Every structure is written in C-alpha cells, then in structure tokens.
Amino acid sequence: VSRDNAQSTVYLQMNSLKTEDTAVYYCAAGSAVILISSYRHWG
C-alpha cells in the first residue's frame, strides 16, 4: 500500500495473486490507521 497526498490518491499494488484474493476491494478513509472502526468513508 502506498499514497500520494499531492494527487489525493492511495494505491494497492497486488503481486503473486491467488484465486482466494478474488473479491470486491474497497478503499476507506479513517482517523486512526490501526483502528478499523475509525474508517467511516468508503468507496
């Protein structure tokens, strides 16, 4: 995972993908990086 604040964009580079990685992927914005419940805004 990486981000470019100047471009207001976050990225997820996924390598060596497995079939079990199949899913709908969502990004979210929060107030505390380690607190999952703080992610309140979703794509």
Full PDB file with SEQRES, HELIX, SHEET, SSBOND, CRYST1, ORIGX, SCALE, CONECT and MASTER records, all heavy atoms in Angstrom:
SEQRES   1 A   43  VAL SER ARG ASP ASN ALA GLN SER THR VAL TYR LEU GLN          
SEQRES   2 A   43  MET ASN SER LEU LYS THR GLU ASP THR ALA VAL TYR TYR          
SEQRES   3 A   43  CYS ALA ALA GLY SER ALA VAL ILE LEU ILE SER SER TYR          
SEQRES   4 A   43  ARG HIS TRP GLY                                              
HELIX    1 AA1 ASN A    5  GLN A    7  5                                   3    
HELIX    2 AA2 THR A   19  ASP A   21  5                                   3    
HELIX    3 AA3 ILE A   36  SER A   38  5                                   3    
SHEET    1 AA1 2 SER A   2  ASP A   4  0                                        
SHEET    2 AA1 2 THR A   9  TYR A  11 -1                                        
SHEET    1 AA2 2 ALA A  28  ALA A  29  0                                        
SHEET    2 AA2 2 HIS A  41  TRP A  42 -1                                        
CRYST1    1.000    1.000    1.000  90.00  90.00  90.00 P 1           1          
ORIGX1      1.000000  0.000000  0.000000        0.00000                         
ORIGX2      0.000000  1.000000  0.000000        0.00000                         
ORIGX3      0.000000  0.000000  1.000000        0.00000                         
SCALE1      1.000000  0.000000  0.000000        0.00000                         
SCALE2      0.000000  1.000000  0.000000        0.00000                         
SCALE3      0.000000  0.000000  1.000000        0.00000                         
ATOM      1  N   VAL A   1       0.846  -1.188   0.000  1.00  0.00           N  
ATOM      2  CA  VAL A   1       0.000   0.000   0.000  1.00  0.00           C  
ATOM      3  C   VAL A   1       0.885   1.243   0.000  1.00  0.00           C  
ATOM      4  O   VAL A   1       1.922   1.277   0.659  1.00  0.00           O  
ATOM      5  CB  VAL A   1      -0.968  -0.001   1.205  1.00  0.00           C  
ATOM      6  CG1 VAL A   1      -0.213   0.031   2.533  1.00  0.00           C  
ATOM      7  CG2 VAL A   1      -1.954   1.155   1.108  1.00  0.00           C  
ATOM      8  N   SER A   2       0.492   2.246  -0.765  1.00  0.00           N  
ATOM      9  CA  SER A   2       1.230   3.498  -0.827  1.00  0.00           C  
ATOM     10  C   SER A   2       0.253   4.638  -1.076  1.00  0.00           C  
ATOM     11  O   SER A   2      -0.912   4.404  -1.398  1.00  0.00           O  
ATOM     12  CB  SER A   2       2.302   3.453  -1.921  1.00  0.00           C  
ATOM     13  OG  SER A   2       1.711   3.268  -3.196  1.00  0.00           O  
ATOM     14  N   ARG A   3       0.724   5.864  -0.928  1.00  0.00           N  
ATOM     15  CA  ARG A   3      -0.154   7.004  -1.184  1.00  0.00           C  
ATOM     16  C   ARG A   3       0.632   8.175  -1.732  1.00  0.00           C  
ATOM     17  O   ARG A   3       1.837   8.313  -1.496  1.00  0.00           O  
ATOM     18  CB  ARG A   3      -0.905   7.418   0.088  1.00  0.00           C  
ATOM     19  CG  ARG A   3      -0.032   7.997   1.186  1.00  0.00           C  
ATOM     20  CD  ARG A   3      -0.811   8.135   2.495  1.00  0.00           C  
ATOM     21  NE  ARG A   3      -1.902   9.084   2.389  1.00  0.00           N  
ATOM     22  CZ  ARG A   3      -2.913   9.167   3.249  1.00  0.00           C  
ATOM     23  NH1 ARG A   3      -2.976   8.320   4.281  1.00  0.00           N  
ATOM     24  NH2 ARG A   3      -3.861  10.079   3.071  1.00  0.00           N  
ATOM     25  N   ASP A   4      -0.067   9.033  -2.458  1.00  0.00           N  
ATOM     26  CA  ASP A   4       0.484  10.260  -2.997  1.00  0.00           C  
ATOM     27  C   ASP A   4      -0.462  11.370  -2.574  1.00  0.00           C  
ATOM     28  O   ASP A   4      -1.494  11.589  -3.207  1.00  0.00           O  
ATOM     29  CB  ASP A   4       0.610  10.185  -4.514  1.00  0.00           C  
ATOM     30  CG  ASP A   4       1.282  11.401  -5.112  1.00  0.00           C  
ATOM     31  OD1 ASP A   4       1.364  12.448  -4.443  1.00  0.00           O  
ATOM     32  OD2 ASP A   4       1.740  11.311  -6.269  1.00  0.00           O  
ATOM     33  N   ASN A   5      -0.114  12.061  -1.499  1.00  0.00           N  
ATOM     34  CA  ASN A   5      -1.013  13.088  -0.970  1.00  0.00           C  
ATOM     35  C   ASN A   5      -1.180  14.269  -1.918  1.00  0.00           C  
ATOM     36  O   ASN A   5      -2.228  14.915  -1.921  1.00  0.00           O  
ATOM     37  CB  ASN A   5      -0.511  13.566   0.393  1.00  0.00           C  
ATOM     38  CG  ASN A   5      -0.733  12.540   1.486  1.00  0.00           C  
ATOM     39  OD1 ASN A   5      -1.521  11.609   1.318  1.00  0.00           O  
ATOM     40  ND2 ASN A   5      -0.046  12.699   2.597  1.00  0.00           N  
ATOM     41  N   ALA A   6      -0.162  14.565  -2.712  1.00  0.00           N  
ATOM     42  CA  ALA A   6      -0.264  15.651  -3.678  1.00  0.00           C  
ATOM     43  C   ALA A   6      -1.318  15.350  -4.735  1.00  0.00           C  
ATOM     44  O   ALA A   6      -1.940  16.265  -5.278  1.00  0.00           O  
ATOM     45  CB  ALA A   6       1.085  15.913  -4.339  1.00  0.00           C  
ATOM     46  N   GLN A   7      -1.517  14.065  -5.040  1.00  0.00           N  
ATOM     47  CA  GLN A   7      -2.509  13.645  -6.022  1.00  0.00           C  
ATOM     48  C   GLN A   7      -3.788  13.129  -5.377  1.00  0.00           C  
ATOM     49  O   GLN A   7      -4.703  12.695  -6.084  1.00  0.00           O  
ATOM     50  CB  GLN A   7      -1.918  12.571  -6.937  1.00  0.00           C  
ATOM     51  CG  GLN A   7      -0.752  13.046  -7.778  1.00  0.00           C  
ATOM     52  CD  GLN A   7      -1.159  14.101  -8.772  1.00  0.00           C  
ATOM     53  OE1 GLN A   7      -2.229  14.024  -9.382  1.00  0.00           O  
ATOM     54  NE2 GLN A   7      -0.310  15.103  -8.939  1.00  0.00           N  
ATOM     55  N   SER A   8      -3.839  13.152  -4.052  1.00  0.00           N  
ATOM     56  CA  SER A   8      -5.006  12.676  -3.295  1.00  0.00           C  
ATOM     57  C   SER A   8      -5.397  11.263  -3.710  1.00  0.00           C  
ATOM     58  O   SER A   8      -6.572  10.967  -3.943  1.00  0.00           O  
ATOM     59  CB  SER A   8      -6.189  13.630  -3.475  1.00  0.00           C  
ATOM     60  OG  SER A   8      -5.888  14.912  -2.959  1.00  0.00           O  
ATOM     61  N   THR A   9      -4.401  10.392  -3.782  1.00  0.00           N  
ATOM     62  CA  THR A   9      -4.625   9.036  -4.259  1.00  0.00           C  
ATOM     63  C   THR A   9      -3.876   8.020  -3.400  1.00  0.00           C  
ATOM     64  O   THR A   9      -2.735   8.261  -3.014  1.00  0.00           O  
ATOM     65  CB  THR A   9      -4.176   8.887  -5.721  1.00  0.00           C  
ATOM     66  OG1 THR A   9      -4.873   9.835  -6.533  1.00  0.00           O  
ATOM     67  CG2 THR A   9      -4.470   7.490  -6.241  1.00  0.00           C  
ATOM     68  N   VAL A  10      -4.533   6.903  -3.124  1.00  0.00           N  
ATOM     69  CA  VAL A  10      -3.899   5.786  -2.437  1.00  0.00           C  
ATOM     70  C   VAL A  10      -3.898   4.594  -3.386  1.00  0.00           C  
ATOM     71  O   VAL A  10      -4.821   4.436  -4.198  1.00  0.00           O  
ATOM     72  CB  VAL A  10      -4.615   5.458  -1.105  1.00  0.00           C  
ATOM     73  CG1 VAL A  10      -6.052   5.004  -1.343  1.00  0.00           C  
ATOM     74  CG2 VAL A  10      -3.840   4.409  -0.320  1.00  0.00           C  
ATOM     75  N   TYR A  11      -2.857   3.761  -3.301  1.00  0.00           N  
ATOM     76  CA  TYR A  11      -2.694   2.641  -4.211  1.00  0.00           C  
ATOM     77  C   TYR A  11      -2.567   1.327  -3.448  1.00  0.00           C  
ATOM     78  O   TYR A  11      -2.136   1.288  -2.294  1.00  0.00           O  
ATOM     79  CB  TYR A  11      -1.435   2.812  -5.063  1.00  0.00           C  
ATOM     80  CG  TYR A  11      -1.385   4.097  -5.839  1.00  0.00           C  
ATOM     81  CD1 TYR A  11      -0.736   5.213  -5.326  1.00  0.00           C  
ATOM     82  CD2 TYR A  11      -1.988   4.195  -7.088  1.00  0.00           C  
ATOM     83  CE1 TYR A  11      -0.693   6.399  -6.037  1.00  0.00           C  
ATOM     84  CE2 TYR A  11      -1.948   5.376  -7.804  1.00  0.00           C  
ATOM     85  CZ  TYR A  11      -1.299   6.474  -7.284  1.00  0.00           C  
ATOM     86  OH  TYR A  11      -1.258   7.646  -7.988  1.00  0.00           O  
ATOM     87  N   LEU A  12      -2.924   0.260  -4.121  1.00  0.00           N  
ATOM     88  CA  LEU A  12      -2.666  -1.077  -3.606  1.00  0.00           C  
ATOM     89  C   LEU A  12      -2.061  -1.899  -4.735  1.00  0.00           C  
ATOM     90  O   LEU A  12      -2.750  -2.255  -5.691  1.00  0.00           O  
ATOM     91  CB  LEU A  12      -3.947  -1.745  -3.094  1.00  0.00           C  
ATOM     92  CG  LEU A  12      -3.755  -3.112  -2.438  1.00  0.00           C  
ATOM     93  CD1 LEU A  12      -2.977  -2.970  -1.124  1.00  0.00           C  
ATOM     94  CD2 LEU A  12      -5.093  -3.797  -2.192  1.00  0.00           C  
ATOM     95  N   GLN A  13      -0.764  -2.158  -4.628  1.00  0.00           N  
ATOM     96  CA  GLN A  13      -0.074  -2.993  -5.598  1.00  0.00           C  
ATOM     97  C   GLN A  13      -0.208  -4.438  -5.159  1.00  0.00           C  
ATOM     98  O   GLN A  13       0.210  -4.789  -4.056  1.00  0.00           O  
ATOM     99  CB  GLN A  13       1.400  -2.603  -5.698  1.00  0.00           C  
ATOM    100  CG  GLN A  13       2.213  -3.464  -6.656  1.00  0.00           C  
ATOM    101  CD  GLN A  13       1.800  -3.295  -8.090  1.00  0.00           C  
ATOM    102  OE1 GLN A  13       1.621  -2.170  -8.560  1.00  0.00           O  
ATOM    103  NE2 GLN A  13       1.622  -4.397  -8.804  1.00  0.00           N  
ATOM    104  N   MET A  14      -0.765  -5.278  -6.007  1.00  0.00           N  
ATOM    105  CA  MET A  14      -1.015  -6.670  -5.676  1.00  0.00           C  
ATOM    106  C   MET A  14      -0.192  -7.561  -6.604  1.00  0.00           C  
ATOM    107  O   MET A  14      -0.393  -7.550  -7.818  1.00  0.00           O  
ATOM    108  CB  MET A  14      -2.503  -7.000  -5.798  1.00  0.00           C  
ATOM    109  CG  MET A  14      -3.400  -6.093  -4.964  1.00  0.00           C  
ATOM    110  SD  MET A  14      -5.149  -6.573  -5.024  1.00  0.00           S  
ATOM    111  CE  MET A  14      -5.503  -6.208  -6.749  1.00  0.00           C  
ATOM    112  N   ASN A  15       0.714  -8.322  -6.027  1.00  0.00           N  
ATOM    113  CA  ASN A  15       1.556  -9.234  -6.778  1.00  0.00           C  
ATOM    114  C   ASN A  15       1.285 -10.673  -6.349  1.00  0.00           C  
ATOM    115  O   ASN A  15       0.714 -10.922  -5.290  1.00  0.00           O  
ATOM    116  CB  ASN A  15       3.038  -8.906  -6.561  1.00  0.00           C  
ATOM    117  CG  ASN A  15       3.422  -7.530  -7.041  1.00  0.00           C  
ATOM    118  OD1 ASN A  15       2.887  -7.034  -8.028  1.00  0.00           O  
ATOM    119  ND2 ASN A  15       4.364  -6.905  -6.348  1.00  0.00           N  
ATOM    120  N   SER A  16       1.729 -11.611  -7.167  1.00  0.00           N  
ATOM    121  CA  SER A  16       1.567 -13.036  -6.867  1.00  0.00           C  
ATOM    122  C   SER A  16       0.136 -13.358  -6.456  1.00  0.00           C  
ATOM    123  O   SER A  16      -0.116 -14.033  -5.453  1.00  0.00           O  
ATOM    124  CB  SER A  16       2.546 -13.461  -5.766  1.00  0.00           C  
ATOM    125  OG  SER A  16       3.882 -13.215  -6.152  1.00  0.00           O  
ATOM    126  N   LEU A  17      -0.804 -12.890  -7.238  1.00  0.00           N  
ATOM    127  CA  LEU A  17      -2.212 -13.043  -6.894  1.00  0.00           C  
ATOM    128  C   LEU A  17      -2.644 -14.505  -6.875  1.00  0.00           C  
ATOM    129  O   LEU A  17      -2.194 -15.311  -7.693  1.00  0.00           O  
ATOM    130  CB  LEU A  17      -3.078 -12.257  -7.868  1.00  0.00           C  
ATOM    131  CG  LEU A  17      -3.095 -10.748  -7.600  1.00  0.00           C  
ATOM    132  CD1 LEU A  17      -3.581  -9.998  -8.826  1.00  0.00           C  
ATOM    133  CD2 LEU A  17      -3.982 -10.439  -6.396  1.00  0.00           C  
ATOM    134  N   LYS A  18      -3.525 -14.807  -5.931  1.00  0.00           N  
ATOM    135  CA  LYS A  18      -4.078 -16.141  -5.754  1.00  0.00           C  
ATOM    136  C   LYS A  18      -5.581 -16.100  -5.994  1.00  0.00           C  
ATOM    137  O   LYS A  18      -6.206 -15.057  -5.863  1.00  0.00           O  
ATOM    138  CB  LYS A  18      -3.804 -16.650  -4.335  1.00  0.00           C  
ATOM    139  CG  LYS A  18      -2.346 -16.636  -3.928  1.00  0.00           C  
ATOM    140  CD  LYS A  18      -2.199 -17.019  -2.467  1.00  0.00           C  
ATOM    141  CE  LYS A  18      -0.749 -16.997  -2.027  1.00  0.00           C  
ATOM    142  NZ  LYS A  18      -0.606 -17.359  -0.594  1.00  0.00           N  
ATOM    143  N   THR A  19      -6.166 -17.240  -6.295  1.00  0.00           N  
ATOM    144  CA  THR A  19      -7.607 -17.289  -6.526  1.00  0.00           C  
ATOM    145  C   THR A  19      -8.379 -16.817  -5.300  1.00  0.00           C  
ATOM    146  O   THR A  19      -9.455 -16.225  -5.437  1.00  0.00           O  
ATOM    147  CB  THR A  19      -8.073 -18.693  -6.915  1.00  0.00           C  
ATOM    148  OG1 THR A  19      -7.661 -19.637  -5.918  1.00  0.00           O  
ATOM    149  CG2 THR A  19      -7.481 -19.099  -8.257  1.00  0.00           C  
ATOM    150  N   GLU A  20      -7.848 -17.049  -4.116  1.00  0.00           N  
ATOM    151  CA  GLU A  20      -8.523 -16.621  -2.899  1.00  0.00           C  
ATOM    152  C   GLU A  20      -8.491 -15.107  -2.682  1.00  0.00           C  
ATOM    153  O   GLU A  20      -9.115 -14.605  -1.752  1.00  0.00           O  
ATOM    154  CB  GLU A  20      -7.954 -17.337  -1.665  1.00  0.00           C  
ATOM    155  CG  GLU A  20      -6.445 -17.286  -1.555  1.00  0.00           C  
ATOM    156  CD  GLU A  20      -5.778 -18.547  -2.065  1.00  0.00           C  
ATOM    157  OE1 GLU A  20      -6.130 -19.007  -3.168  1.00  0.00           O  
ATOM    158  OE2 GLU A  20      -4.901 -19.088  -1.352  1.00  0.00           O  
ATOM    159  N   ASP A  21      -7.769 -14.380  -3.534  1.00  0.00           N  
ATOM    160  CA  ASP A  21      -7.785 -12.923  -3.486  1.00  0.00           C  
ATOM    161  C   ASP A  21      -8.997 -12.343  -4.214  1.00  0.00           C  
ATOM    162  O   ASP A  21      -9.218 -11.132  -4.168  1.00  0.00           O  
ATOM    163  CB  ASP A  21      -6.510 -12.345  -4.101  1.00  0.00           C  
ATOM    164  CG  ASP A  21      -5.265 -12.682  -3.303  1.00  0.00           C  
ATOM    165  OD1 ASP A  21      -5.319 -12.626  -2.058  1.00  0.00           O  
ATOM    166  OD2 ASP A  21      -4.233 -12.984  -3.930  1.00  0.00           O  
ATOM    167  N   THR A  22      -9.754 -13.179  -4.891  1.00  0.00           N  
ATOM    168  CA  THR A  22     -10.934 -12.724  -5.616  1.00  0.00           C  
ATOM    169  C   THR A  22     -11.945 -12.112  -4.651  1.00  0.00           C  
ATOM    170  O   THR A  22     -12.355 -12.742  -3.681  1.00  0.00           O  
ATOM    171  CB  THR A  22     -11.581 -13.884  -6.381  1.00  0.00           C  
ATOM    172  OG1 THR A  22     -10.685 -14.342  -7.390  1.00  0.00           O  
ATOM    173  CG2 THR A  22     -12.884 -13.444  -7.036  1.00  0.00           C  
ATOM    174  N   ALA A  23     -12.333 -10.865  -4.914  1.00  0.00           N  
ATOM    175  CA  ALA A  23     -13.247 -10.145  -4.035  1.00  0.00           C  
ATOM    176  C   ALA A  23     -13.526  -8.772  -4.619  1.00  0.00           C  
ATOM    177  O   ALA A  23     -12.885  -8.343  -5.581  1.00  0.00           O  
ATOM    178  CB  ALA A  23     -12.648  -9.994  -2.634  1.00  0.00           C  
ATOM    179  N   VAL A  24     -14.482  -8.073  -4.024  1.00  0.00           N  
ATOM    180  CA  VAL A  24     -14.655  -6.658  -4.284  1.00  0.00           C  
ATOM    181  C   VAL A  24     -13.760  -5.917  -3.301  1.00  0.00           C  
ATOM    182  O   VAL A  24     -13.841  -6.139  -2.096  1.00  0.00           O  
ATOM    183  CB  VAL A  24     -16.119  -6.208  -4.118  1.00  0.00           C  
ATOM    184  CG1 VAL A  24     -16.242  -4.704  -4.311  1.00  0.00           C  
ATOM    185  CG2 VAL A  24     -17.010  -6.940  -5.110  1.00  0.00           C  
ATOM    186  N   TYR A  25     -12.919  -5.040  -3.818  1.00  0.00           N  
ATOM    187  CA  TYR A  25     -11.987  -4.298  -2.991  1.00  0.00           C  
ATOM    188  C   TYR A  25     -12.479  -2.873  -2.777  1.00  0.00           C  
ATOM    189  O   TYR A  25     -12.870  -2.195  -3.724  1.00  0.00           O  
ATOM    190  CB  TYR A  25     -10.601  -4.276  -3.636  1.00  0.00           C  
ATOM    191  CG  TYR A  25      -9.858  -5.578  -3.472  1.00  0.00           C  
ATOM    192  CD1 TYR A  25     -10.261  -6.711  -4.155  1.00  0.00           C  
ATOM    193  CD2 TYR A  25      -8.761  -5.683  -2.614  1.00  0.00           C  
ATOM    194  CE1 TYR A  25      -9.599  -7.919  -3.991  1.00  0.00           C  
ATOM    195  CE2 TYR A  25      -8.090  -6.884  -2.448  1.00  0.00           C  
ATOM    196  CZ  TYR A  25      -8.515  -7.997  -3.138  1.00  0.00           C  
ATOM    197  OH  TYR A  25      -7.854  -9.198  -2.982  1.00  0.00           O  
ATOM    198  N   TYR A  26     -12.427  -2.426  -1.530  1.00  0.00           N  
ATOM    199  CA  TYR A  26     -12.890  -1.101  -1.149  1.00  0.00           C  
ATOM    200  C   TYR A  26     -11.761  -0.312  -0.502  1.00  0.00           C  
ATOM    201  O   TYR A  26     -10.985  -0.866   0.277  1.00  0.00           O  
ATOM    202  CB  TYR A  26     -14.029  -1.194  -0.129  1.00  0.00           C  
ATOM    203  CG  TYR A  26     -15.249  -1.937  -0.591  1.00  0.00           C  
ATOM    204  CD1 TYR A  26     -15.356  -3.308  -0.413  1.00  0.00           C  
ATOM    205  CD2 TYR A  26     -16.305  -1.260  -1.191  1.00  0.00           C  
ATOM    206  CE1 TYR A  26     -16.484  -3.988  -0.826  1.00  0.00           C  
ATOM    207  CE2 TYR A  26     -17.437  -1.932  -1.603  1.00  0.00           C  
ATOM    208  CZ  TYR A  26     -17.522  -3.306  -1.420  1.00  0.00           C  
ATOM    209  OH  TYR A  26     -18.653  -3.981  -1.828  1.00  0.00           O  
ATOM    210  N   CYS A  27     -11.678   0.965  -0.798  1.00  0.00           N  
ATOM    211  CA  CYS A  27     -10.809   1.832  -0.029  1.00  0.00           C  
ATOM    212  C   CYS A  27     -11.655   2.616   0.958  1.00  0.00           C  
ATOM    213  O   CYS A  27     -12.854   2.812   0.753  1.00  0.00           O  
ATOM    214  CB  CYS A  27      -9.984   2.772  -0.919  1.00  0.00           C  
ATOM    215  SG  CYS A  27     -10.922   4.047  -1.785  1.00  0.00           S  
ATOM    216  N   ALA A  28     -11.037   3.036   2.045  1.00  0.00           N  
ATOM    217  CA  ALA A  28     -11.756   3.752   3.087  1.00  0.00           C  
ATOM    218  C   ALA A  28     -10.836   4.763   3.750  1.00  0.00           C  
ATOM    219  O   ALA A  28      -9.624   4.557   3.832  1.00  0.00           O  
ATOM    220  CB  ALA A  28     -12.299   2.774   4.129  1.00  0.00           C  
ATOM    221  N   ALA A  29     -11.430   5.849   4.230  1.00  0.00           N  
ATOM    222  CA  ALA A  29     -10.702   6.898   4.934  1.00  0.00           C  
ATOM    223  C   ALA A  29     -11.072   6.877   6.404  1.00  0.00           C  
ATOM    224  O   ALA A  29     -12.250   6.752   6.750  1.00  0.00           O  
ATOM    225  CB  ALA A  29     -11.019   8.263   4.335  1.00  0.00           C  
ATOM    226  N   GLY A  30     -10.070   7.013   7.265  1.00  0.00           N  
ATOM    227  CA  GLY A  30     -10.306   6.980   8.691  1.00  0.00           C  
ATOM    228  C   GLY A  30      -9.446   7.956   9.455  1.00  0.00           C  
ATOM    229  O   GLY A  30      -8.658   8.702   8.876  1.00  0.00           O  
ATOM    230  N   SER A  31      -9.587   7.928  10.764  1.00  0.00           N  
ATOM    231  CA  SER A  31      -8.865   8.851  11.628  1.00  0.00           C  
ATOM    232  C   SER A  31      -7.717   8.211  12.391  1.00  0.00           C  
ATOM    233  O   SER A  31      -6.859   8.917  12.918  1.00  0.00           O  
ATOM    234  CB  SER A  31      -9.829   9.506  12.625  1.00  0.00           C  
ATOM    235  OG  SER A  31     -10.491   8.534  13.406  1.00  0.00           O  
ATOM    236  N   ALA A  32      -7.695   6.886  12.460  1.00  0.00           N  
ATOM    237  CA  ALA A  32      -6.645   6.179  13.183  1.00  0.00           C  
ATOM    238  C   ALA A  32      -6.256   4.942  12.390  1.00  0.00           C  
ATOM    239  O   ALA A  32      -7.070   4.032  12.218  1.00  0.00           O  
ATOM    240  CB  ALA A  32      -7.105   5.797  14.586  1.00  0.00           C  
ATOM    241  N   VAL A  33      -5.036   4.884  11.924  1.00  0.00           N  
ATOM    242  CA  VAL A  33      -4.626   3.849  10.987  1.00  0.00           C  
ATOM    243  C   VAL A  33      -4.799   2.435  11.527  1.00  0.00           C  
ATOM    244  O   VAL A  33      -5.114   1.514  10.766  1.00  0.00           O  
ATOM    245  CB  VAL A  33      -3.169   4.093  10.520  1.00  0.00           C  
ATOM    246  CG1 VAL A  33      -2.185   3.892  11.667  1.00  0.00           C  
ATOM    247  CG2 VAL A  33      -2.832   3.219   9.330  1.00  0.00           C  
ATOM    248  N   ILE A  34      -4.616   2.232  12.827  1.00  0.00           N  
ATOM    249  CA  ILE A  34      -4.688   0.892  13.391  1.00  0.00           C  
ATOM    250  C   ILE A  34      -6.066   0.538  13.927  1.00  0.00           C  
ATOM    251  O   ILE A  34      -6.274  -0.592  14.391  1.00  0.00           O  
ATOM    252  CB  ILE A  34      -3.648   0.687  14.510  1.00  0.00           C  
ATOM    253  CG1 ILE A  34      -3.916   1.630  15.686  1.00  0.00           C  
ATOM    254  CG2 ILE A  34      -2.238   0.877  13.954  1.00  0.00           C  
ATOM    255  CD1 ILE A  34      -3.048   1.354  16.892  1.00  0.00           C  
ATOM    256  N   LEU A  35      -7.006   1.471  13.875  1.00  0.00           N  
ATOM    257  CA  LEU A  35      -8.336   1.237  14.421  1.00  0.00           C  
ATOM    258  C   LEU A  35      -9.336   1.090  13.274  1.00  0.00           C  
ATOM    259  O   LEU A  35      -9.748   2.073  12.662  1.00  0.00           O  
ATOM    260  CB  LEU A  35      -8.738   2.386  15.342  1.00  0.00           C  
ATOM    261  CG  LEU A  35     -10.043   2.229  16.113  1.00  0.00           C  
ATOM    262  CD1 LEU A  35      -9.980   1.012  17.020  1.00  0.00           C  
ATOM    263  CD2 LEU A  35     -10.320   3.484  16.925  1.00  0.00           C  
ATOM    264  N   ILE A  36      -9.741  -0.146  13.002  1.00  0.00           N  
ATOM    265  CA  ILE A  36     -10.619  -0.434  11.868  1.00  0.00           C  
ATOM    266  C   ILE A  36     -11.933   0.321  11.958  1.00  0.00           C  
ATOM    267  O   ILE A  36     -12.460   0.794  10.951  1.00  0.00           O  
ATOM    268  CB  ILE A  36     -10.860  -1.952  11.749  1.00  0.00           C  
ATOM    269  CG1 ILE A  36      -9.556  -2.657  11.385  1.00  0.00           C  
ATOM    270  CG2 ILE A  36     -11.943  -2.243  10.712  1.00  0.00           C  
ATOM    271  CD1 ILE A  36      -9.664  -4.164  11.342  1.00  0.00           C  
ATOM    272  N   SER A  37     -12.475   0.463  13.157  1.00  0.00           N  
ATOM    273  CA  SER A  37     -13.752   1.141  13.337  1.00  0.00           C  
ATOM    274  C   SER A  37     -13.698   2.623  12.987  1.00  0.00           C  
ATOM    275  O   SER A  37     -14.746   3.255  12.838  1.00  0.00           O  
ATOM    276  CB  SER A  37     -14.255   0.964  14.765  1.00  0.00           C  
ATOM    277  OG  SER A  37     -13.376   1.562  15.698  1.00  0.00           O  
ATOM    278  N   SER A  38     -12.508   3.183  12.854  1.00  0.00           N  
ATOM    279  CA  SER A  38     -12.386   4.602  12.524  1.00  0.00           C  
ATOM    280  C   SER A  38     -12.544   4.877  11.029  1.00  0.00           C  
ATOM    281  O   SER A  38     -12.642   6.040  10.626  1.00  0.00           O  
ATOM    282  CB  SER A  38     -11.037   5.153  12.996  1.00  0.00           C  
ATOM    283  OG  SER A  38      -9.984   4.799  12.120  1.00  0.00           O  
ATOM    284  N   TYR A  39     -12.583   3.829  10.204  1.00  0.00           N  
ATOM    285  CA  TYR A  39     -12.756   4.004   8.765  1.00  0.00           C  
ATOM    286  C   TYR A  39     -14.235   4.164   8.458  1.00  0.00           C  
ATOM    287  O   TYR A  39     -14.986   3.185   8.393  1.00  0.00           O  
ATOM    288  CB  TYR A  39     -12.145   2.827   8.004  1.00  0.00           C  
ATOM    289  CG  TYR A  39     -10.647   2.777   8.139  1.00  0.00           C  
ATOM    290  CD1 TYR A  39     -10.043   2.000   9.112  1.00  0.00           C  
ATOM    291  CD2 TYR A  39      -9.833   3.533   7.293  1.00  0.00           C  
ATOM    292  CE1 TYR A  39      -8.662   1.979   9.248  1.00  0.00           C  
ATOM    293  CE2 TYR A  39      -8.459   3.512   7.425  1.00  0.00           C  
ATOM    294  CZ  TYR A  39      -7.873   2.739   8.404  1.00  0.00           C  
ATOM    295  OH  TYR A  39      -6.502   2.717   8.534  1.00  0.00           O  
ATOM    296  N   ARG A  40     -14.644   5.406   8.238  1.00  0.00           N  
ATOM    297  CA  ARG A  40     -16.063   5.726   8.109  1.00  0.00           C  
ATOM    298  C   ARG A  40     -16.482   6.148   6.704  1.00  0.00           C  
ATOM    299  O   ARG A  40     -17.679   6.185   6.409  1.00  0.00           O  
ATOM    300  CB  ARG A  40     -16.439   6.838   9.087  1.00  0.00           C  
ATOM    301  CG  ARG A  40     -16.206   6.465  10.546  1.00  0.00           C  
ATOM    302  CD  ARG A  40     -16.744   7.524  11.469  1.00  0.00           C  
ATOM    303  NE  ARG A  40     -16.562   7.170  12.872  1.00  0.00           N  
ATOM    304  CZ  ARG A  40     -17.098   7.811  13.881  1.00  0.00           C  
ATOM    305  NH1 ARG A  40     -17.873   8.866  13.651  1.00  0.00           N  
ATOM    306  NH2 ARG A  40     -16.876   7.415  15.121  1.00  0.00           N  
ATOM    307  N   HIS A  41     -15.537   6.468   5.852  1.00  0.00           N  
ATOM    308  CA  HIS A  41     -15.848   6.917   4.496  1.00  0.00           C  
ATOM    309  C   HIS A  41     -15.359   5.872   3.505  1.00  0.00           C  
ATOM    310  O   HIS A  41     -14.178   5.525   3.505  1.00  0.00           O  
ATOM    311  CB  HIS A  41     -15.198   8.276   4.220  1.00  0.00           C  
ATOM    312  CG  HIS A  41     -15.511   9.299   5.265  1.00  0.00           C  
ATOM    313  ND1 HIS A  41     -16.748   9.900   5.356  1.00  0.00           N  
ATOM    314  CD2 HIS A  41     -14.758   9.812   6.269  1.00  0.00           C  
ATOM    315  CE1 HIS A  41     -16.743  10.749   6.370  1.00  0.00           C  
ATOM    316  NE2 HIS A  41     -15.555  10.721   6.935  1.00  0.00           N  
ATOM    317  N   TRP A  42     -16.275   5.409   2.665  1.00  0.00           N  
ATOM    318  CA  TRP A  42     -15.997   4.271   1.792  1.00  0.00           C  
ATOM    319  C   TRP A  42     -16.220   4.570   0.322  1.00  0.00           C  
ATOM    320  O   TRP A  42     -17.114   5.333  -0.038  1.00  0.00           O  
ATOM    321  CB  TRP A  42     -16.883   3.085   2.180  1.00  0.00           C  
ATOM    322  CG  TRP A  42     -16.616   2.592   3.566  1.00  0.00           C  
ATOM    323  CD1 TRP A  42     -17.123   3.103   4.727  1.00  0.00           C  
ATOM    324  CD2 TRP A  42     -15.778   1.501   3.933  1.00  0.00           C  
ATOM    325  NE1 TRP A  42     -16.639   2.392   5.802  1.00  0.00           N  
ATOM    326  CE2 TRP A  42     -15.815   1.404   5.347  1.00  0.00           C  
ATOM    327  CE3 TRP A  42     -15.001   0.599   3.216  1.00  0.00           C  
ATOM    328  CZ2 TRP A  42     -15.098   0.430   6.043  1.00  0.00           C  
ATOM    329  CZ3 TRP A  42     -14.293  -0.369   3.906  1.00  0.00           C  
ATOM    330  CH2 TRP A  42     -14.345  -0.444   5.302  1.00  0.00           C  
ATOM    331  N   GLY A  43     -15.417   3.943  -0.520  1.00  0.00           N  
ATOM    332  CA  GLY A  43     -15.633   4.000  -1.950  1.00  0.00           C  
ATOM    333  C   GLY A  43     -16.671   2.980  -2.372  1.00  0.00           C  
ATOM    334  O   GLY A  43     -17.217   2.237  -1.549  1.00  0.00           O  
TER     335      GLY A  43                                                      
MASTER        0    0    0    3    4    0    0    6  334    1    0    4          
END                                                                             
